[in-house]
N, C-alpha and C. Protein backbone atom coordinates (compact mmCIF):
# COMPACT_ATOMS: atom_id res chain seq x y z
N UNK A 1 -34.64 94.64 99.77
CA UNK A 1 -34.22 94.23 101.08
C UNK A 1 -32.83 94.79 101.41
N UNK A 2 -31.99 94.95 100.41
CA UNK A 2 -30.64 95.43 100.63
C UNK A 2 -30.57 96.78 101.30
N UNK A 3 -31.49 97.68 100.95
CA UNK A 3 -31.45 99.02 101.56
C UNK A 3 -31.74 98.96 103.05
N UNK A 4 -32.56 97.99 103.48
CA UNK A 4 -32.85 97.86 104.91
C UNK A 4 -31.64 97.31 105.66
N UNK A 5 -30.97 96.36 105.06
CA UNK A 5 -29.77 95.81 105.67
C UNK A 5 -28.70 96.89 105.79
N UNK A 6 -28.54 97.70 104.75
CA UNK A 6 -27.57 98.79 104.79
C UNK A 6 -27.94 99.80 105.89
N UNK A 7 -29.21 100.10 106.03
CA UNK A 7 -29.67 101.04 107.07
C UNK A 7 -29.36 100.48 108.45
N UNK A 8 -29.63 99.20 108.65
CA UNK A 8 -29.34 98.59 109.95
C UNK A 8 -27.85 98.63 110.25
N UNK A 9 -27.03 98.28 109.26
CA UNK A 9 -25.57 98.30 109.47
C UNK A 9 -25.09 99.70 109.79
N UNK A 10 -25.63 100.69 109.11
CA UNK A 10 -25.20 102.08 109.32
C UNK A 10 -25.49 102.54 110.75
N UNK A 11 -26.50 101.95 111.37
CA UNK A 11 -26.88 102.35 112.73
C UNK A 11 -26.48 101.32 113.77
N UNK A 12 -25.69 100.32 113.37
CA UNK A 12 -25.21 99.33 114.33
C UNK A 12 -26.28 98.39 114.84
N UNK A 13 -27.38 98.24 114.10
CA UNK A 13 -28.47 97.34 114.51
C UNK A 13 -28.17 95.96 113.93
N UNK A 14 -28.03 94.97 114.81
CA UNK A 14 -27.68 93.63 114.35
C UNK A 14 -28.88 92.70 114.26
N UNK A 15 -29.92 92.98 115.01
CA UNK A 15 -31.13 92.14 114.99
C UNK A 15 -32.33 93.07 115.02
N UNK A 16 -33.23 92.94 114.05
CA UNK A 16 -34.41 93.81 114.04
C UNK A 16 -35.48 93.26 113.12
N UNK A 17 -36.68 93.68 113.38
CA UNK A 17 -37.79 93.44 112.46
C UNK A 17 -38.05 94.75 111.73
N UNK A 18 -38.24 94.66 110.43
CA UNK A 18 -38.48 95.86 109.64
C UNK A 18 -39.89 95.76 109.08
N UNK A 19 -40.73 96.72 109.41
CA UNK A 19 -42.09 96.72 108.90
C UNK A 19 -42.22 97.82 107.86
N UNK A 20 -42.88 97.48 106.75
CA UNK A 20 -43.02 98.44 105.67
C UNK A 20 -44.31 98.20 104.92
N UNK A 21 -44.72 99.19 104.16
CA UNK A 21 -45.84 99.05 103.23
C UNK A 21 -45.26 99.22 101.83
N UNK A 22 -45.94 98.63 100.88
CA UNK A 22 -45.50 98.72 99.49
C UNK A 22 -46.63 99.30 98.66
N UNK A 23 -46.32 100.31 97.84
CA UNK A 23 -47.35 100.93 97.01
C UNK A 23 -47.53 100.16 95.70
N UNK A 24 -48.44 100.63 94.88
CA UNK A 24 -48.77 99.96 93.61
C UNK A 24 -47.57 99.90 92.67
N UNK A 25 -46.60 100.79 92.83
CA UNK A 25 -45.41 100.79 91.98
C UNK A 25 -44.29 99.91 92.51
N UNK A 26 -44.53 99.29 93.68
CA UNK A 26 -43.50 98.44 94.27
C UNK A 26 -42.54 99.19 95.17
N UNK A 27 -42.77 100.49 95.39
CA UNK A 27 -41.91 101.27 96.28
C UNK A 27 -42.27 100.93 97.72
N UNK A 28 -41.25 100.70 98.55
CA UNK A 28 -41.46 100.35 99.95
C UNK A 28 -41.18 101.54 100.85
N UNK A 29 -42.03 101.67 101.86
CA UNK A 29 -41.90 102.75 102.85
C UNK A 29 -41.84 102.12 104.24
N UNK A 30 -40.68 102.26 104.89
CA UNK A 30 -40.49 101.71 106.22
C UNK A 30 -41.20 102.59 107.24
N UNK A 31 -41.92 101.97 108.15
CA UNK A 31 -42.58 102.72 109.21
C UNK A 31 -42.18 102.26 110.60
N UNK A 32 -41.41 101.16 110.68
CA UNK A 32 -40.99 100.70 112.00
C UNK A 32 -39.81 99.76 111.87
N UNK A 33 -38.82 99.93 112.73
CA UNK A 33 -37.71 98.99 112.87
C UNK A 33 -37.61 98.71 114.35
N UNK A 34 -37.76 97.43 114.72
CA UNK A 34 -37.74 97.11 116.15
C UNK A 34 -37.06 95.76 116.39
N UNK A 35 -36.91 95.41 117.63
CA UNK A 35 -36.19 94.20 118.00
C UNK A 35 -36.98 92.92 117.89
N UNK A 36 -38.26 93.01 117.60
CA UNK A 36 -39.08 91.81 117.43
C UNK A 36 -39.99 92.01 116.23
N UNK A 37 -40.43 90.92 115.68
CA UNK A 37 -41.35 90.99 114.56
C UNK A 37 -42.09 89.65 114.46
N UNK A 38 -43.09 89.59 113.63
CA UNK A 38 -43.77 88.33 113.35
C UNK A 38 -42.89 87.48 112.44
N UNK A 39 -42.95 86.18 112.62
CA UNK A 39 -42.18 85.27 111.77
C UNK A 39 -42.69 85.36 110.34
N UNK A 40 -41.77 85.49 109.39
CA UNK A 40 -42.15 85.59 107.99
C UNK A 40 -41.18 84.75 107.15
N UNK A 41 -41.59 83.54 106.78
CA UNK A 41 -40.68 82.67 106.04
C UNK A 41 -40.32 83.21 104.65
N UNK A 42 -41.21 84.00 104.03
CA UNK A 42 -40.90 84.57 102.72
C UNK A 42 -39.74 85.56 102.82
N UNK A 43 -39.72 86.36 103.87
CA UNK A 43 -38.63 87.32 104.07
C UNK A 43 -37.33 86.59 104.34
N UNK A 44 -37.41 85.54 105.17
CA UNK A 44 -36.20 84.75 105.43
C UNK A 44 -35.61 84.20 104.13
N UNK A 45 -36.47 83.66 103.29
CA UNK A 45 -36.00 83.10 102.03
C UNK A 45 -35.39 84.17 101.14
N UNK A 46 -36.04 85.34 101.05
CA UNK A 46 -35.53 86.42 100.22
C UNK A 46 -34.19 86.94 100.72
N UNK A 47 -34.06 87.05 102.03
CA UNK A 47 -32.83 87.59 102.63
C UNK A 47 -31.73 86.53 102.73
N UNK A 48 -32.10 85.25 102.64
CA UNK A 48 -31.12 84.20 102.78
C UNK A 48 -30.61 84.04 104.20
N UNK A 49 -31.44 84.41 105.17
CA UNK A 49 -31.09 84.35 106.57
C UNK A 49 -32.21 83.67 107.34
N UNK A 50 -31.86 82.68 108.17
CA UNK A 50 -32.85 82.09 109.07
C UNK A 50 -32.84 82.90 110.35
N UNK A 51 -33.89 83.66 110.57
CA UNK A 51 -33.95 84.64 111.65
C UNK A 51 -33.64 84.10 113.02
N UNK A 52 -34.35 83.06 113.44
CA UNK A 52 -34.15 82.54 114.78
C UNK A 52 -32.77 81.91 114.94
N UNK A 53 -32.25 81.28 113.89
CA UNK A 53 -30.90 80.72 113.95
C UNK A 53 -29.88 81.84 114.10
N UNK A 54 -30.10 82.96 113.40
CA UNK A 54 -29.19 84.10 113.52
C UNK A 54 -29.20 84.65 114.94
N UNK A 55 -30.39 84.83 115.51
CA UNK A 55 -30.51 85.36 116.87
C UNK A 55 -29.84 84.41 117.87
N UNK A 56 -30.07 83.11 117.70
CA UNK A 56 -29.44 82.14 118.62
C UNK A 56 -27.92 82.18 118.50
N UNK A 57 -27.40 82.24 117.28
CA UNK A 57 -25.95 82.29 117.09
C UNK A 57 -25.37 83.58 117.65
N UNK A 58 -26.05 84.69 117.46
CA UNK A 58 -25.58 85.96 118.01
C UNK A 58 -25.56 85.91 119.54
N UNK A 59 -26.63 85.39 120.14
CA UNK A 59 -26.70 85.28 121.60
C UNK A 59 -25.58 84.38 122.12
N UNK A 60 -25.37 83.25 121.45
CA UNK A 60 -24.32 82.33 121.86
C UNK A 60 -22.96 82.99 121.77
N UNK A 61 -22.70 83.72 120.69
CA UNK A 61 -21.42 84.40 120.52
C UNK A 61 -21.22 85.43 121.63
N UNK A 62 -22.25 86.20 121.93
CA UNK A 62 -22.14 87.23 122.96
C UNK A 62 -21.95 86.61 124.34
N UNK A 63 -22.54 85.42 124.54
CA UNK A 63 -22.41 84.75 125.84
C UNK A 63 -21.21 83.83 125.91
N UNK A 64 -20.56 83.61 124.76
CA UNK A 64 -19.38 82.75 124.73
C UNK A 64 -19.69 81.26 124.86
N UNK A 65 -20.85 80.85 124.34
CA UNK A 65 -21.22 79.41 124.41
C UNK A 65 -21.48 78.91 122.99
N UNK A 66 -21.48 77.60 122.83
CA UNK A 66 -21.75 77.01 121.54
C UNK A 66 -23.24 76.75 121.34
N UNK A 67 -23.65 76.69 120.07
CA UNK A 67 -25.04 76.39 119.73
C UNK A 67 -25.02 75.29 118.68
N UNK A 68 -25.86 74.27 118.90
CA UNK A 68 -25.97 73.19 117.91
C UNK A 68 -26.61 73.72 116.65
N UNK A 69 -26.08 73.35 115.50
CA UNK A 69 -26.62 73.77 114.21
C UNK A 69 -27.65 72.76 113.75
N UNK A 70 -28.77 73.23 113.26
CA UNK A 70 -29.79 72.34 112.70
C UNK A 70 -29.68 72.33 111.18
N UNK A 71 -30.17 71.25 110.58
CA UNK A 71 -30.08 71.11 109.13
C UNK A 71 -31.03 72.01 108.41
């Protein structure tokens, strides 16, 4: 997952869905990076980021408003 985060940072992408396939050896091949994706709780857990909470906080920061934090 780290290589995808590094790729996004290198290109200034702050919010994205990363789609990839994994071969029998565990090597991942990215085929799409876009602004939306299907919800995937396993990826959230692996990355340590709650996707929708991150998007809401980013939107609030850009708009200059507060967002209530959920537990």
